């Protein structure tokens, strides 16, 4: 039996009027470079964190991506 590697879901892009939203799985510090690469490819300027923190935001800010925090408590 072979071990299955966990896959993260693909990003989903939603357009509404003059806005675009990109829904992605949360990164970790170890996956931040790939995460930033994807954000830059899609010209993302703002990230809204709606989950528990799993990464430091400094690299995003250094790349000119603003980080907003909006934790949804359920």
N, C-alpha and C. Protein backbone atom coordinates (compact mmCIF):
# COMPACT_ATOMS: atom_id res chain seq x y z
N UNK A 1 0.84 -1.18 0.00
CA UNK A 1 0.00 0.00 0.00
C UNK A 1 0.89 1.24 0.00
N UNK A 2 0.57 2.20 -0.84
CA UNK A 2 1.36 3.42 -0.91
C UNK A 2 0.69 4.52 -0.09
N UNK A 3 1.50 5.36 0.48
CA UNK A 3 0.97 6.47 1.27
C UNK A 3 0.48 7.56 0.32
N UNK A 4 -0.67 8.11 0.63
CA UNK A 4 -1.21 9.20 -0.18
C UNK A 4 -0.73 10.53 0.37
N UNK A 5 -0.30 11.38 -0.51
CA UNK A 5 0.15 12.71 -0.11
C UNK A 5 -1.08 13.63 -0.05
N UNK A 6 -1.22 14.35 1.05
CA UNK A 6 -2.34 15.27 1.19
C UNK A 6 -2.20 16.41 0.19
N UNK A 7 -3.26 16.69 -0.52
CA UNK A 7 -3.25 17.77 -1.50
C UNK A 7 -4.10 18.92 -1.01
N UNK A 8 -3.60 20.09 -1.21
CA UNK A 8 -4.38 21.28 -0.87
C UNK A 8 -5.33 21.56 -2.03
N UNK A 9 -6.52 22.08 -1.73
CA UNK A 9 -7.45 22.39 -2.82
C UNK A 9 -6.91 23.50 -3.71
N UNK A 10 -7.30 23.48 -4.96
CA UNK A 10 -6.89 24.53 -5.89
C UNK A 10 -7.54 25.85 -5.50
N UNK A 11 -6.91 26.98 -5.79
CA UNK A 11 -7.52 28.28 -5.52
C UNK A 11 -8.80 28.46 -6.33
N UNK A 12 -9.78 29.15 -5.76
CA UNK A 12 -11.03 29.47 -6.45
C UNK A 12 -11.11 30.98 -6.59
N UNK A 13 -11.38 31.45 -7.80
CA UNK A 13 -11.47 32.89 -8.04
C UNK A 13 -12.93 33.27 -8.29
N UNK A 14 -13.38 34.31 -7.60
CA UNK A 14 -14.76 34.79 -7.73
C UNK A 14 -14.70 36.26 -8.12
N UNK A 15 -15.48 36.64 -9.13
CA UNK A 15 -15.57 38.04 -9.54
C UNK A 15 -16.96 38.56 -9.22
N UNK A 16 -17.02 39.75 -8.66
CA UNK A 16 -18.29 40.39 -8.34
C UNK A 16 -18.14 41.88 -8.60
N UNK A 17 -18.91 42.38 -9.55
CA UNK A 17 -18.83 43.78 -9.97
C UNK A 17 -17.37 44.11 -10.31
N UNK A 18 -16.78 45.08 -9.62
CA UNK A 18 -15.39 45.45 -9.94
C UNK A 18 -14.38 44.83 -8.97
N UNK A 19 -14.79 43.75 -8.29
CA UNK A 19 -13.91 43.12 -7.30
C UNK A 19 -13.61 41.68 -7.70
N UNK A 20 -12.44 41.23 -7.28
CA UNK A 20 -12.05 39.82 -7.48
C UNK A 20 -11.63 39.25 -6.14
N UNK A 21 -12.06 38.04 -5.86
CA UNK A 21 -11.72 37.36 -4.62
C UNK A 21 -11.05 36.05 -4.97
N UNK A 22 -9.98 35.75 -4.28
CA UNK A 22 -9.26 34.50 -4.48
C UNK A 22 -9.31 33.73 -3.16
N UNK A 23 -9.94 32.57 -3.19
CA UNK A 23 -10.08 31.75 -1.99
C UNK A 23 -9.04 30.64 -2.06
N UNK A 24 -8.18 30.60 -1.05
CA UNK A 24 -7.08 29.63 -1.03
C UNK A 24 -6.98 29.00 0.35
N UNK A 25 -6.36 27.83 0.38
CA UNK A 25 -6.04 27.20 1.65
C UNK A 25 -4.97 28.04 2.34
N UNK A 26 -4.98 28.06 3.65
CA UNK A 26 -4.00 28.88 4.37
C UNK A 26 -2.59 28.29 4.21
N UNK A 27 -1.62 29.18 4.10
CA UNK A 27 -0.23 28.71 3.97
C UNK A 27 0.37 28.43 5.35
N UNK A 28 1.58 27.92 5.31
CA UNK A 28 2.40 27.81 6.51
C UNK A 28 3.69 28.56 6.20
N UNK A 29 4.53 28.75 7.19
CA UNK A 29 5.81 29.40 6.91
C UNK A 29 6.61 28.60 5.87
N UNK A 30 6.46 27.28 5.89
CA UNK A 30 7.20 26.43 4.95
C UNK A 30 6.69 26.55 3.52
N UNK A 31 5.41 26.92 3.34
CA UNK A 31 4.84 27.02 1.98
C UNK A 31 4.66 28.47 1.53
N UNK A 32 5.16 29.41 2.32
CA UNK A 32 4.92 30.83 2.04
C UNK A 32 5.45 31.28 0.68
N UNK A 33 6.61 30.80 0.25
CA UNK A 33 7.18 31.24 -1.03
C UNK A 33 6.24 30.88 -2.19
N UNK A 34 5.72 29.67 -2.20
CA UNK A 34 4.77 29.24 -3.24
C UNK A 34 3.48 30.05 -3.16
N UNK A 35 3.05 30.32 -1.94
CA UNK A 35 1.84 31.10 -1.71
C UNK A 35 2.00 32.50 -2.31
N UNK A 36 3.12 33.15 -2.03
CA UNK A 36 3.39 34.48 -2.56
C UNK A 36 3.48 34.44 -4.07
N UNK A 37 4.11 33.42 -4.60
CA UNK A 37 4.22 33.27 -6.06
C UNK A 37 2.82 33.24 -6.69
N UNK A 38 1.91 32.49 -6.11
CA UNK A 38 0.54 32.40 -6.63
C UNK A 38 -0.18 33.74 -6.50
N UNK A 39 -0.01 34.42 -5.38
CA UNK A 39 -0.65 35.72 -5.19
C UNK A 39 -0.15 36.73 -6.21
N UNK A 40 1.15 36.77 -6.44
CA UNK A 40 1.73 37.72 -7.40
C UNK A 40 1.26 37.42 -8.82
N UNK A 41 1.17 36.13 -9.14
CA UNK A 41 0.71 35.72 -10.47
C UNK A 41 -0.71 36.25 -10.73
N UNK A 42 -1.51 36.32 -9.67
CA UNK A 42 -2.90 36.76 -9.79
C UNK A 42 -3.09 38.23 -9.41
N UNK A 43 -1.99 38.95 -9.20
CA UNK A 43 -1.98 40.38 -8.89
C UNK A 43 -2.76 40.73 -7.62
N UNK A 44 -2.61 39.91 -6.60
CA UNK A 44 -3.29 40.13 -5.32
C UNK A 44 -2.58 41.25 -4.57
N UNK A 45 -3.35 42.15 -3.99
CA UNK A 45 -2.79 43.27 -3.23
C UNK A 45 -3.12 43.17 -1.73
N UNK A 46 -4.20 42.45 -1.40
CA UNK A 46 -4.64 42.32 -0.01
C UNK A 46 -4.95 40.86 0.30
N UNK A 47 -4.60 40.44 1.51
CA UNK A 47 -4.95 39.11 2.02
C UNK A 47 -5.78 39.33 3.27
N UNK A 48 -6.92 38.65 3.36
CA UNK A 48 -7.75 38.70 4.56
C UNK A 48 -7.66 37.35 5.24
N UNK A 49 -7.11 37.35 6.42
CA UNK A 49 -6.96 36.10 7.18
C UNK A 49 -8.26 35.84 7.93
N UNK A 50 -8.89 34.69 7.66
CA UNK A 50 -10.14 34.33 8.33
C UNK A 50 -9.99 32.99 9.07
N UNK A 51 -8.76 32.64 9.39
CA UNK A 51 -8.50 31.38 10.08
C UNK A 51 -7.44 31.63 11.16
N UNK A 52 -7.21 30.63 11.95
CA UNK A 52 -6.16 30.74 12.97
C UNK A 52 -4.81 30.93 12.27
N UNK A 53 -3.92 31.75 12.83
CA UNK A 53 -2.62 32.00 12.20
C UNK A 53 -1.78 30.73 12.08
N UNK A 54 -1.25 30.50 10.88
CA UNK A 54 -0.32 29.39 10.66
C UNK A 54 0.95 29.89 9.99
N UNK A 55 1.06 31.21 9.86
CA UNK A 55 2.21 31.78 9.16
C UNK A 55 2.48 33.19 9.67
N UNK A 56 3.71 33.61 9.49
CA UNK A 56 4.10 34.98 9.81
C UNK A 56 3.77 35.85 8.59
N UNK A 57 3.38 37.08 8.83
CA UNK A 57 2.94 37.95 7.73
C UNK A 57 4.05 38.82 7.15
N UNK A 58 5.23 38.82 7.75
CA UNK A 58 6.29 39.73 7.33
C UNK A 58 6.65 39.60 5.86
N UNK A 59 6.74 38.38 5.35
CA UNK A 59 7.13 38.19 3.95
C UNK A 59 6.08 38.76 3.00
N UNK A 60 4.81 38.61 3.36
CA UNK A 60 3.75 39.19 2.54
C UNK A 60 3.88 40.70 2.49
N UNK A 61 4.07 41.31 3.64
CA UNK A 61 4.20 42.76 3.73
C UNK A 61 5.42 43.24 2.94
N UNK A 62 6.53 42.51 3.04
CA UNK A 62 7.74 42.87 2.28
C UNK A 62 7.49 42.84 0.78
N UNK A 63 6.57 42.00 0.34
CA UNK A 63 6.24 41.89 -1.08
C UNK A 63 5.16 42.87 -1.51
N UNK A 64 4.74 43.75 -0.57
CA UNK A 64 3.74 44.75 -0.90
C UNK A 64 2.31 44.25 -0.82
N UNK A 65 2.09 43.14 -0.12
CA UNK A 65 0.76 42.58 0.04
C UNK A 65 0.28 42.90 1.45
N UNK A 66 -0.83 43.61 1.53
CA UNK A 66 -1.38 44.02 2.82
C UNK A 66 -2.13 42.85 3.46
N UNK A 67 -1.98 42.67 4.76
CA UNK A 67 -2.63 41.57 5.48
C UNK A 67 -3.64 42.15 6.46
N UNK A 68 -4.89 41.73 6.30
CA UNK A 68 -5.98 42.15 7.18
C UNK A 68 -6.44 40.92 7.95
N UNK A 69 -6.82 41.09 9.20
CA UNK A 69 -7.24 39.95 10.01
C UNK A 69 -8.72 40.09 10.32
N UNK A 70 -9.47 39.04 10.03
CA UNK A 70 -10.91 39.01 10.29
C UNK A 70 -11.28 37.60 10.72
N UNK A 71 -10.94 37.23 11.93
CA UNK A 71 -11.23 35.88 12.41
C UNK A 71 -12.73 35.71 12.61
N UNK A 72 -13.25 34.65 12.06
CA UNK A 72 -14.67 34.34 12.19
C UNK A 72 -14.79 33.28 13.28
N UNK A 73 -15.48 33.62 14.32
CA UNK A 73 -15.64 32.67 15.43
C UNK A 73 -16.98 31.97 15.27
N UNK A 74 -16.94 30.64 15.44
CA UNK A 74 -18.18 29.89 15.23
C UNK A 74 -18.65 29.13 16.39
